[in-house]
Amino acid sequence: MAKTLLEAFQEECSGKSVSTQKTYVHALKHFQHWLESVGTNLEAYARSDVQQYIDYLAAQRKSAATIHKIWNAIKAFSRWSGNTQAIKDIRVMKMADIKKQAPKGLSRIERNRVVREVDRSGNQRDYTIVIMLLYTGLRVHELVSLNRNDIQKSERKGNVRVIGKGNQERHIPLNAEVRRALTIYLEKRKDDHAALFLSNRKRRISVRSVQTILEKYGVHPHQLRHTFITSLVRSGEDLSVIQSLSGHQSADMIFRYSQPTEEDKAQAVQNIYLDA
């Protein structure tokens, strides 16, 4: 019966993103397993069960972000199943304010290492992907959605047309390094596929494939985007320019990049009194 409930709930969540659906079902399966271990199930759990499970997760040293994802799944399921009493006044670990956290980018040494290693690999497609992400700040799903005709370039200038979140269109200039990488990569292409980047199977490359490529060099696509935006912020570029390039509609999201990282704080403490 519990499995049927989960399946029915999953169908009800069909309007949500695939990622959210998977997160909810995964979280609820673990919640279900825990409920069975304490003598109840998804049909009969009470408020005390929910509170004890949240406390159990905290005792297991789960992060606040993880606990909130699980809590959101339990709330959604409880509301859907009509068990709203079970989620009243639940105490949940407070998450850190995301606006006060600096996104994790790459240091200059890390950035140079990644570029150097992918260049030495001899794979022009992978090199072009890394250079584009570093110098345009594209989200990975924006990158894989690009077509050849989204690129406009000449010897002295160029830009890429991007369709971002909310179907918002923006144009990002391409510097000399990106234009050079693209030119070499496209000259080596012998196909007429519309997609800018192809997988090894000659199909449009997927988000997962790009992630796998970057994992070989110890980085994630988001880190390259964060590196791009952080560099703009620390260079003192105008906020409106950064918003236009990054596709962030909220100035608060840009403000995050001005926050000090743990490395910044460690360096500040390391350098204290050096001029004394």
C-alpha atoms as a PDB file:
ATOM      1  CA  MET A   1       0.000   0.000   0.000  1.00  0.00           C
ATOM      2  CA  ALA A   2       2.857   2.373   0.885  1.00  0.00           C
ATOM      3  CA  LYS A   3       4.443   1.759  -2.513  1.00  0.00           C
ATOM      4  CA  THR A   4       1.161   2.583  -4.179  1.00  0.00           C
ATOM      5  CA  LEU A   5       0.967   5.829  -2.227  1.00  0.00           C
ATOM      6  CA  LEU A   6       4.430   6.803  -3.376  1.00  0.00           C
ATOM      7  CA  GLU A   7       3.605   5.996  -6.983  1.00  0.00           C
ATOM      8  CA  ALA A   8       0.396   8.011  -6.808  1.00  0.00           C
ATOM      9  CA  PHE A   9       2.266  10.928  -5.239  1.00  0.00           C
ATOM     10  CA  GLN A  10       4.919  10.773  -7.928  1.00  0.00           C
ATOM     11  CA  GLU A  11       2.240  10.993 -10.605  1.00  0.00           C
ATOM     12  CA  GLU A  12       0.783  14.015  -8.824  1.00  0.00           C
ATOM     13  CA  CYS A  13       4.235  15.651  -8.988  1.00  0.00           C
ATOM     14  CA  SER A  14       4.504  15.193 -12.748  1.00  0.00           C
ATOM     15  CA  GLY A  15       4.305  18.945 -13.226  1.00  0.00           C
ATOM     16  CA  LYS A  16       7.515  19.470 -11.267  1.00  0.00           C
ATOM     17  CA  SER A  17      11.003  19.122 -12.718  1.00  0.00           C
ATOM     18  CA  VAL A  18      12.479  15.635 -13.104  1.00  0.00           C
ATOM     19  CA  SER A  19      15.150  16.569 -10.557  1.00  0.00           C
ATOM     20  CA  THR A  20      12.540  17.592  -7.961  1.00  0.00           C
ATOM     21  CA  GLN A  21      10.533  14.419  -8.565  1.00  0.00           C
ATOM     22  CA  LYS A  22      13.611  12.254  -8.026  1.00  0.00           C
ATOM     23  CA  THR A  23      14.569  14.189  -4.894  1.00  0.00           C
ATOM     24  CA  TYR A  24      11.075  13.822  -3.417  1.00  0.00           C
ATOM     25  CA  VAL A  25      10.785  10.094  -4.141  1.00  0.00           C
ATOM     26  CA  HIS A  26      14.297   9.353  -2.896  1.00  0.00           C
ATOM     27  CA  ALA A  27      13.664  11.288   0.334  1.00  0.00           C
ATOM     28  CA  LEU A  28      10.283   9.656   0.919  1.00  0.00           C
ATOM     29  CA  LYS A  29      11.644   6.145   0.390  1.00  0.00           C
ATOM     30  CA  HIS A  30      14.188   6.775   3.145  1.00  0.00           C
ATOM     31  CA  PHE A  31      11.478   8.301   5.346  1.00  0.00           C
ATOM     32  CA  GLN A  32       9.297   5.243   4.681  1.00  0.00           C
ATOM     33  CA  HIS A  33      12.142   2.896   5.652  1.00  0.00           C
ATOM     34  CA  TRP A  34      12.713   4.831   8.883  1.00  0.00           C
ATOM     35  CA  LEU A  35       8.981   4.828   9.700  1.00  0.00           C
ATOM     36  CA  GLU A  36       8.841   1.055   9.285  1.00  0.00           C
ATOM     37  CA  SER A  37      11.810   0.685  11.631  1.00  0.00           C
ATOM     38  CA  VAL A  38       9.846   2.490  14.371  1.00  0.00           C
ATOM     39  CA  GLY A  39       6.614   0.602  13.809  1.00  0.00           C
ATOM     40  CA  THR A  40       4.543   2.781  11.479  1.00  0.00           C
ATOM     41  CA  ASN A  41       4.264   3.709   7.784  1.00  0.00           C
ATOM     42  CA  LEU A  42       3.372   6.435   5.305  1.00  0.00           C
ATOM     43  CA  GLU A  43      -0.337   5.977   6.020  1.00  0.00           C
ATOM     44  CA  ALA A  44      -0.222   6.321   9.779  1.00  0.00           C
ATOM     45  CA  TYR A  45       2.724   8.536  10.797  1.00  0.00           C
ATOM     46  CA  ALA A  46       2.142  11.332  13.297  1.00  0.00           C
ATOM     47  CA  ARG A  47       3.730  14.686  14.030  1.00  0.00           C
ATOM     48  CA  SER A  48       6.062  13.147  16.600  1.00  0.00           C
ATOM     49  CA  ASP A  49       7.370  10.767  13.931  1.00  0.00           C
ATOM     50  CA  VAL A  50       8.218  13.648  11.619  1.00  0.00           C
ATOM     51  CA  GLN A  51       9.930  15.636  14.385  1.00  0.00           C
ATOM     52  CA  GLN A  52      11.913  12.604  15.522  1.00  0.00           C
ATOM     53  CA  TYR A  53      13.001  11.876  11.960  1.00  0.00           C
ATOM     54  CA  ILE A  54      14.169  15.468  11.411  1.00  0.00           C
ATOM     55  CA  ASP A  55      16.058  15.295  14.723  1.00  0.00           C
ATOM     56  CA  TYR A  56      17.514  11.929  13.680  1.00  0.00           C
ATOM     57  CA  LEU A  57      18.840  13.447  10.450  1.00  0.00           C
ATOM     58  CA  ALA A  58      20.468  16.275  12.394  1.00  0.00           C
ATOM     59  CA  ALA A  59      22.054  13.738  14.772  1.00  0.00           C
ATOM     60  CA  GLN A  60      23.434  11.937  11.716  1.00  0.00           C
ATOM     61  CA  ARG A  61      25.247  15.190  10.836  1.00  0.00           C
ATOM     62  CA  LYS A  62      23.241  15.769   7.690  1.00  0.00           C
ATOM     63  CA  SER A  63      23.704  19.275   6.324  1.00  0.00           C
ATOM     64  CA  ALA A  64      20.999  21.892   6.751  1.00  0.00           C
ATOM     65  CA  ALA A  65      20.520  21.930   2.961  1.00  0.00           C
ATOM     66  CA  THR A  66      19.985  18.154   2.858  1.00  0.00           C
ATOM     67  CA  ILE A  67      17.554  18.235   5.766  1.00  0.00           C
ATOM     68  CA  HIS A  68      15.535  21.006   4.128  1.00  0.00           C
ATOM     69  CA  LYS A  69      15.265  19.027   0.889  1.00  0.00           C
ATOM     70  CA  ILE A  70      13.928  16.056   2.851  1.00  0.00           C
ATOM     71  CA  TRP A  71      11.630  18.287   4.881  1.00  0.00           C
ATOM     72  CA  ASN A  72      10.210  19.818   1.694  1.00  0.00           C
ATOM     73  CA  ALA A  73       9.473  16.327   0.369  1.00  0.00           C
ATOM     74  CA  ILE A  74       7.718  15.321   3.596  1.00  0.00           C
ATOM     75  CA  LYS A  75       5.690  18.543   3.597  1.00  0.00           C
ATOM     76  CA  ALA A  76       4.614  18.057  -0.003  1.00  0.00           C
ATOM     77  CA  PHE A  77       3.634  14.444   0.620  1.00  0.00           C
ATOM     78  CA  SER A  78       1.796  15.253   3.862  1.00  0.00           C
ATOM     79  CA  ARG A  79      -0.243  17.980   2.219  1.00  0.00           C
ATOM     80  CA  TRP A  80      -1.039  15.763  -0.730  1.00  0.00           C
ATOM     81  CA  SER A  81      -2.132  12.871   1.508  1.00  0.00           C
ATOM     82  CA  GLY A  82      -4.163  15.123   3.815  1.00  0.00           C
ATOM     83  CA  ASN A  83      -1.934  14.544   6.851  1.00  0.00           C
ATOM     84  CA  THR A  84      -1.247  18.224   7.508  1.00  0.00           C
ATOM     85  CA  GLN A  85      -1.336  17.744  11.306  1.00  0.00           C
ATOM     86  CA  ALA A  86       1.913  15.817  11.034  1.00  0.00           C
ATOM     87  CA  ILE A  87       3.854  18.822   9.740  1.00  0.00           C
ATOM     88  CA  LYS A  88       2.640  21.518  12.124  1.00  0.00           C
ATOM     89  CA  ASP A  89       5.264  23.383  14.171  1.00  0.00           C
ATOM     90  CA  ILE A  90       8.145  21.114  13.168  1.00  0.00           C
ATOM     91  CA  ARG A  91      11.541  22.396  14.306  1.00  0.00           C
ATOM     92  CA  VAL A  92      14.038  22.264  11.447  1.00  0.00           C
ATOM     93  CA  MET A  93      17.688  23.244  11.434  1.00  0.00           C
ATOM     94  CA  LYS A  94      18.010  26.771  10.082  1.00  0.00           C
ATOM     95  CA  MET A  95      19.798  27.020   6.764  1.00  0.00           C
ATOM     96  CA  ALA A  96      22.568  29.523   6.256  1.00  0.00           C
ATOM     97  CA  ASP A  97      21.473  32.561   4.264  1.00  0.00           C
ATOM     98  CA  ILE A  98      22.493  31.739   0.707  1.00  0.00           C
ATOM     99  CA  LYS A  99      22.841  35.445  -0.046  1.00  0.00           C
ATOM    100  CA  LYS A 100      25.660  35.625   2.512  1.00  0.00           C
ATOM    101  CA  GLN A 101      27.583  32.691   1.087  1.00  0.00           C
ATOM    102  CA  ALA A 102      30.169  33.132  -1.617  1.00  0.00           C
ATOM    103  CA  PRO A 103      29.784  30.620  -4.467  1.00  0.00           C
ATOM    104  CA  LYS A 104      32.798  28.368  -4.862  1.00  0.00           C
ATOM    105  CA  GLY A 105      34.894  29.417  -7.836  1.00  0.00           C
ATOM    106  CA  LEU A 106      38.426  28.505  -8.857  1.00  0.00           C
ATOM    107  CA  SER A 107      41.580  30.263  -7.780  1.00  0.00           C
ATOM    108  CA  ARG A 108      43.944  31.562 -10.454  1.00  0.00           C
ATOM    109  CA  ILE A 109      46.207  28.546  -9.906  1.00  0.00           C
ATOM    110  CA  GLU A 110      43.292  26.095 -10.165  1.00  0.00           C
ATOM    111  CA  ARG A 111      41.941  27.833 -13.260  1.00  0.00           C
ATOM    112  CA  ASN A 112      45.309  27.715 -14.993  1.00  0.00           C
ATOM    113  CA  ARG A 113      45.748  24.048 -14.060  1.00  0.00           C
ATOM    114  CA  VAL A 114      42.417  23.046 -15.591  1.00  0.00           C
ATOM    115  CA  VAL A 115      43.085  24.965 -18.810  1.00  0.00           C
ATOM    116  CA  ARG A 116      46.600  23.540 -19.040  1.00  0.00           C
ATOM    117  CA  GLU A 117      45.512  19.936 -18.451  1.00  0.00           C
ATOM    118  CA  VAL A 118      42.599  19.971 -20.884  1.00  0.00           C
ATOM    119  CA  ASP A 119      44.790  21.672 -23.501  1.00  0.00           C
ATOM    120  CA  ARG A 120      47.447  18.977 -23.119  1.00  0.00           C
ATOM    121  CA  SER A 121      44.788  16.280 -23.545  1.00  0.00           C
ATOM    122  CA  GLY A 122      44.608  17.194 -27.227  1.00  0.00           C
ATOM    123  CA  ASN A 123      40.789  17.076 -27.266  1.00  0.00           C
ATOM    124  CA  GLN A 124      39.771  20.304 -28.994  1.00  0.00           C
ATOM    125  CA  ARG A 125      36.069  19.869 -28.185  1.00  0.00           C
ATOM    126  CA  ASP A 126      36.750  19.524 -24.452  1.00  0.00           C
ATOM    127  CA  TYR A 127      39.177  22.433 -24.515  1.00  0.00           C
ATOM    128  CA  THR A 128      36.629  24.642 -26.282  1.00  0.00           C
ATOM    129  CA  ILE A 129      33.930  23.690 -23.751  1.00  0.00           C
ATOM    130  CA  VAL A 130      36.179  24.633 -20.821  1.00  0.00           C
ATOM    131  CA  ILE A 131      37.275  27.914 -22.417  1.00  0.00           C
ATOM    132  CA  MET A 132      33.677  28.854 -23.249  1.00  0.00           C
ATOM    133  CA  LEU A 133      32.445  28.136 -19.737  1.00  0.00           C
ATOM    134  CA  LEU A 134      35.316  30.083 -18.186  1.00  0.00           C
ATOM    135  CA  TYR A 135      35.012  33.132 -20.430  1.00  0.00           C
ATOM    136  CA  THR A 136      31.221  33.338 -20.859  1.00  0.00           C
ATOM    137  CA  GLY A 137      29.881  32.063 -17.536  1.00  0.00           C
ATOM    138  CA  LEU A 138      27.235  29.963 -19.287  1.00  0.00           C
ATOM    139  CA  ARG A 139      25.120  27.557 -17.305  1.00  0.00           C
ATOM    140  CA  VAL A 140      25.827  24.026 -18.479  1.00  0.00           C
ATOM    141  CA  HIS A 141      22.303  23.530 -19.865  1.00  0.00           C
ATOM    142  CA  GLU A 142      22.728  26.761 -21.822  1.00  0.00           C
ATOM    143  CA  LEU A 143      25.999  25.491 -23.263  1.00  0.00           C
ATOM    144  CA  VAL A 144      24.619  22.151 -24.454  1.00  0.00           C
ATOM    145  CA  SER A 145      21.605  23.877 -26.043  1.00  0.00           C
ATOM    146  CA  LEU A 146      23.763  26.055 -28.293  1.00  0.00           C
ATOM    147  CA  ASN A 147      23.648  25.651 -32.058  1.00  0.00           C
ATOM    148  CA  ARG A 148      26.323  26.660 -34.521  1.00  0.00           C
ATOM    149  CA  ASN A 149      24.214  29.571 -35.740  1.00  0.00           C
ATOM    150  CA  ASP A 150      24.126  30.995 -32.193  1.00  0.00           C
ATOM    151  CA  ILE A 151      27.775  31.917 -32.699  1.00  0.00           C
ATOM    152  CA  GLN A 152      28.655  35.082 -34.584  1.00  0.00           C
ATOM    153  CA  LYS A 153      32.367  35.804 -34.929  1.00  0.00           C
ATOM    154  CA  SER A 154      34.986  37.469 -37.015  1.00  0.00           C
ATOM    155  CA  GLU A 155      38.712  37.915 -36.561  1.00  0.00           C
ATOM    156  CA  ARG A 156      38.253  40.879 -34.225  1.00  0.00           C
ATOM    157  CA  LYS A 157      34.973  40.258 -32.418  1.00  0.00           C
ATOM    158  CA  GLY A 158      32.205  37.788 -31.749  1.00  0.00           C
ATOM    159  CA  ASN A 159      29.250  36.941 -29.546  1.00  0.00           C
ATOM    160  CA  VAL A 160      27.057  34.033 -28.581  1.00  0.00           C
ATOM    161  CA  ARG A 161      23.255  34.147 -28.423  1.00  0.00           C
ATOM    162  CA  VAL A 162      21.963  32.388 -25.306  1.00  0.00           C
ATOM    163  CA  ILE A 163      18.438  31.451 -24.256  1.00  0.00           C
ATOM    164  CA  GLY A 164      18.545  31.349 -20.474  1.00  0.00           C
ATOM    165  CA  LYS A 165      16.124  30.836 -17.626  1.00  0.00           C
ATOM    166  CA  GLY A 166      12.588  31.946 -18.356  1.00  0.00           C
ATOM    167  CA  ASN A 167      13.407  31.926 -22.086  1.00  0.00           C
ATOM    168  CA  GLN A 168      15.298  35.181 -21.633  1.00  0.00           C
ATOM    169  CA  GLU A 169      17.661  35.915 -24.510  1.00  0.00           C
ATOM    170  CA  ARG A 170      21.050  37.473 -23.923  1.00  0.00           C
ATOM    171  CA  HIS A 171      24.190  38.037 -25.996  1.00  0.00           C
ATOM    172  CA  ILE A 172      27.646  37.472 -24.552  1.00  0.00           C
ATOM    173  CA  PRO A 173      30.792  38.797 -26.248  1.00  0.00           C
ATOM    174  CA  LEU A 174      33.451  36.220 -27.119  1.00  0.00           C
ATOM    175  CA  ASN A 175      37.035  37.189 -26.411  1.00  0.00           C
ATOM    176  CA  ALA A 176      40.003  36.229 -28.578  1.00  0.00           C
ATOM    177  CA  GLU A 177      40.707  32.969 -26.701  1.00  0.00           C
ATOM    178  CA  VAL A 178      37.153  31.712 -27.130  1.00  0.00           C
ATOM    179  CA  ARG A 179      37.012  32.739 -30.786  1.00  0.00           C
ATOM    180  CA  ARG A 180      40.299  30.957 -31.478  1.00  0.00           C
ATOM    181  CA  ALA A 181      39.171  27.755 -29.714  1.00  0.00           C
ATOM    182  CA  LEU A 182      35.839  27.756 -31.572  1.00  0.00           C
ATOM    183  CA  THR A 183      37.464  28.342 -34.930  1.00  0.00           C
ATOM    184  CA  ILE A 184      39.860  25.420 -34.534  1.00  0.00           C
ATOM    185  CA  TYR A 185      37.129  23.146 -33.171  1.00  0.00           C
ATOM    186  CA  LEU A 186      34.622  23.919 -35.919  1.00  0.00           C
ATOM    187  CA  GLU A 187      37.241  23.588 -38.657  1.00  0.00           C
ATOM    188  CA  LYS A 188      37.828  20.014 -37.476  1.00  0.00           C
ATOM    189  CA  ARG A 189      34.117  19.181 -37.623  1.00  0.00           C
ATOM    190  CA  LYS A 190      33.225  17.249 -40.784  1.00  0.00           C
ATOM    191  CA  ASP A 191      29.473  17.018 -40.137  1.00  0.00           C
ATOM    192  CA  ASP A 192      26.538  19.322 -40.728  1.00  0.00           C
ATOM    193  CA  HIS A 193      24.855  18.795 -37.332  1.00  0.00           C
ATOM    194  CA  ALA A 194      23.249  21.994 -36.021  1.00  0.00           C
ATOM    195  CA  ALA A 195      24.439  21.466 -32.433  1.00  0.00           C
ATOM    196  CA  LEU A 196      27.558  23.389 -31.443  1.00  0.00           C
ATOM    197  CA  PHE A 197      28.924  20.570 -29.311  1.00  0.00           C
ATOM    198  CA  LEU A 198      28.537  16.880 -30.119  1.00  0.00           C
ATOM    199  CA  SER A 199      29.051  13.793 -27.985  1.00  0.00           C
ATOM    200  CA  ASN A 200      31.408  11.001 -28.993  1.00  0.00           C
ATOM    201  CA  ARG A 201      28.341   9.378 -30.598  1.00  0.00           C
ATOM    202  CA  LYS A 202      27.864  12.407 -32.843  1.00  0.00           C
ATOM    203  CA  ARG A 203      24.715  13.567 -31.057  1.00  0.00           C
ATOM    204  CA  ARG A 204      24.098  16.831 -29.209  1.00  0.00           C
ATOM    205  CA  ILE A 205      26.197  16.617 -26.082  1.00  0.00           C
ATOM    206  CA  SER A 206      24.298  16.208 -22.797  1.00  0.00           C
ATOM    207  CA  VAL A 207      24.631  18.003 -19.469  1.00  0.00           C
ATOM    208  CA  ARG A 208      25.855  14.779 -17.903  1.00  0.00           C
ATOM    209  CA  SER A 209      28.549  14.348 -20.554  1.00  0.00           C
ATOM    210  CA  VAL A 210      29.897  17.840 -19.881  1.00  0.00           C
ATOM    211  CA  GLN A 211      29.902  17.127 -16.165  1.00  0.00           C
ATOM    212  CA  THR A 212      31.824  13.893 -16.800  1.00  0.00           C
ATOM    213  CA  ILE A 213      34.388  15.719 -18.938  1.00  0.00           C
ATOM    214  CA  LEU A 214      35.029  18.271 -16.211  1.00  0.00           C
ATOM    215  CA  GLU A 215      35.118  15.660 -13.458  1.00  0.00           C
ATOM    216  CA  LYS A 216      38.288  14.333 -15.094  1.00  0.00           C
ATOM    217  CA  TYR A 217      39.904  17.633 -14.134  1.00  0.00           C
ATOM    218  CA  GLY A 218      38.389  17.782 -10.660  1.00  0.00           C
ATOM    219  CA  VAL A 219      35.863  20.549 -11.321  1.00  0.00           C
ATOM    220  CA  HIS A 220      32.138  21.050 -11.886  1.00  0.00           C
ATOM    221  CA  PRO A 221      30.544  23.282 -14.559  1.00  0.00           C
ATOM    222  CA  HIS A 222      29.036  25.534 -11.877  1.00  0.00           C
ATOM    223  CA  GLN A 223      32.532  26.312 -10.601  1.00  0.00           C
ATOM    224  CA  LEU A 224      33.531  27.720 -13.980  1.00  0.00           C
ATOM    225  CA  ARG A 225      30.421  29.930 -14.034  1.00  0.00           C
ATOM    226  CA  HIS A 226      31.131  31.035 -10.470  1.00  0.00           C
ATOM    227  CA  THR A 227      34.725  31.811 -11.432  1.00  0.00           C
ATOM    228  CA  PHE A 228      33.565  34.000 -14.325  1.00  0.00           C
ATOM    229  CA  ILE A 229      31.089  36.006 -12.234  1.00  0.00           C
ATOM    230  CA  THR A 230      33.408  36.315  -9.237  1.00  0.00           C
ATOM    231  CA  SER A 231      36.154  37.686 -11.490  1.00  0.00           C
ATOM    232  CA  LEU A 232      33.754  40.308 -12.883  1.00  0.00           C
ATOM    233  CA  VAL A 233      32.652  41.351  -9.385  1.00  0.00           C
ATOM    234  CA  ARG A 234      36.198  41.595  -8.049  1.00  0.00           C
ATOM    235  CA  SER A 235      37.290  43.559 -11.100  1.00  0.00           C
ATOM    236  CA  GLY A 236      34.759  46.218 -10.112  1.00  0.00           C
ATOM    237  CA  GLU A 237      32.517  45.832 -13.159  1.00  0.00           C
ATOM    238  CA  ASP A 238      29.158  47.601 -13.076  1.00  0.00           C
ATOM    239  CA  LEU A 239      26.349  45.535 -11.552  1.00  0.00           C
ATOM    240  CA  SER A 240      24.113  45.957 -14.594  1.00  0.00           C
ATOM    241  CA  VAL A 241      26.876  44.635 -16.860  1.00  0.00           C
ATOM    242  CA  ILE A 242      27.362  41.567 -14.657  1.00  0.00           C
ATOM    243  CA  GLN A 243      23.620  40.888 -14.571  1.00  0.00           C
ATOM    244  CA  SER A 244      23.421  41.183 -18.342  1.00  0.00           C
ATOM    245  CA  LEU A 245      26.327  38.792 -18.891  1.00  0.00           C
ATOM    246  CA  SER A 246      25.341  36.237 -16.254  1.00  0.00           C
ATOM    247  CA  GLY A 247      21.597  36.163 -16.850  1.00  0.00           C
ATOM    248  CA  HIS A 248      20.888  36.762 -13.154  1.00  0.00           C
ATOM    249  CA  GLN A 249      17.727  38.819 -12.774  1.00  0.00           C
ATOM    250  CA  SER A 250      18.269  39.458  -9.069  1.00  0.00           C
ATOM    251  CA  ALA A 251      20.975  41.823  -7.825  1.00  0.00           C
ATOM    252  CA  ASP A 252      21.006  39.807  -4.605  1.00  0.00           C
ATOM    253  CA  MET A 253      22.405  36.830  -6.515  1.00  0.00           C
ATOM    254  CA  ILE A 254      25.258  38.987  -7.812  1.00  0.00           C
ATOM    255  CA  PHE A 255      25.890  40.299  -4.299  1.00  0.00           C
ATOM    256  CA  ARG A 256      26.708  36.754  -3.184  1.00  0.00           C
ATOM    257  CA  TYR A 257      29.835  36.845  -5.313  1.00  0.00           C
ATOM    258  CA  SER A 258      31.211  39.810  -3.358  1.00  0.00           C
ATOM    259  CA  GLN A 259      31.128  37.821  -0.124  1.00  0.00           C
ATOM    260  CA  PRO A 260      34.498  36.568   1.176  1.00  0.00           C
ATOM    261  CA  THR A 261      35.265  32.884   0.726  1.00  0.00           C
ATOM    262  CA  GLU A 262      36.782  30.713   3.443  1.00  0.00           C
ATOM    263  CA  GLU A 263      40.087  31.020   1.564  1.00  0.00           C
ATOM    264  CA  ASP A 264      39.795  34.833   1.632  1.00  0.00           C
ATOM    265  CA  LYS A 265      39.276  34.815   5.387  1.00  0.00           C
ATOM    266  CA  ALA A 266      42.117  32.344   5.960  1.00  0.00           C
ATOM    267  CA  GLN A 267      44.462  34.495   3.851  1.00  0.00           C
ATOM    268  CA  ALA A 268      43.436  37.621   5.751  1.00  0.00           C
ATOM    269  CA  VAL A 269      44.273  35.997   9.083  1.00  0.00           C
ATOM    270  CA  GLN A 270      47.541  34.635   7.657  1.00  0.00           C
ATOM    271  CA  ASN A 271      48.609  38.112   6.535  1.00  0.00           C
ATOM    272  CA  ILE A 272      47.695  39.972   9.719  1.00  0.00           C
ATOM    273  CA  TYR A 273      50.488  42.052  11.286  1.00  0.00           C
ATOM    274  CA  LEU A 274      52.907  41.252   8.438  1.00  0.00           C
ATOM    275  CA  ASP A 275      53.632  44.960   8.113  1.00  0.00           C
ATOM    276  CA  ALA A 276      54.178  45.399  11.856  1.00  0.00           C
END
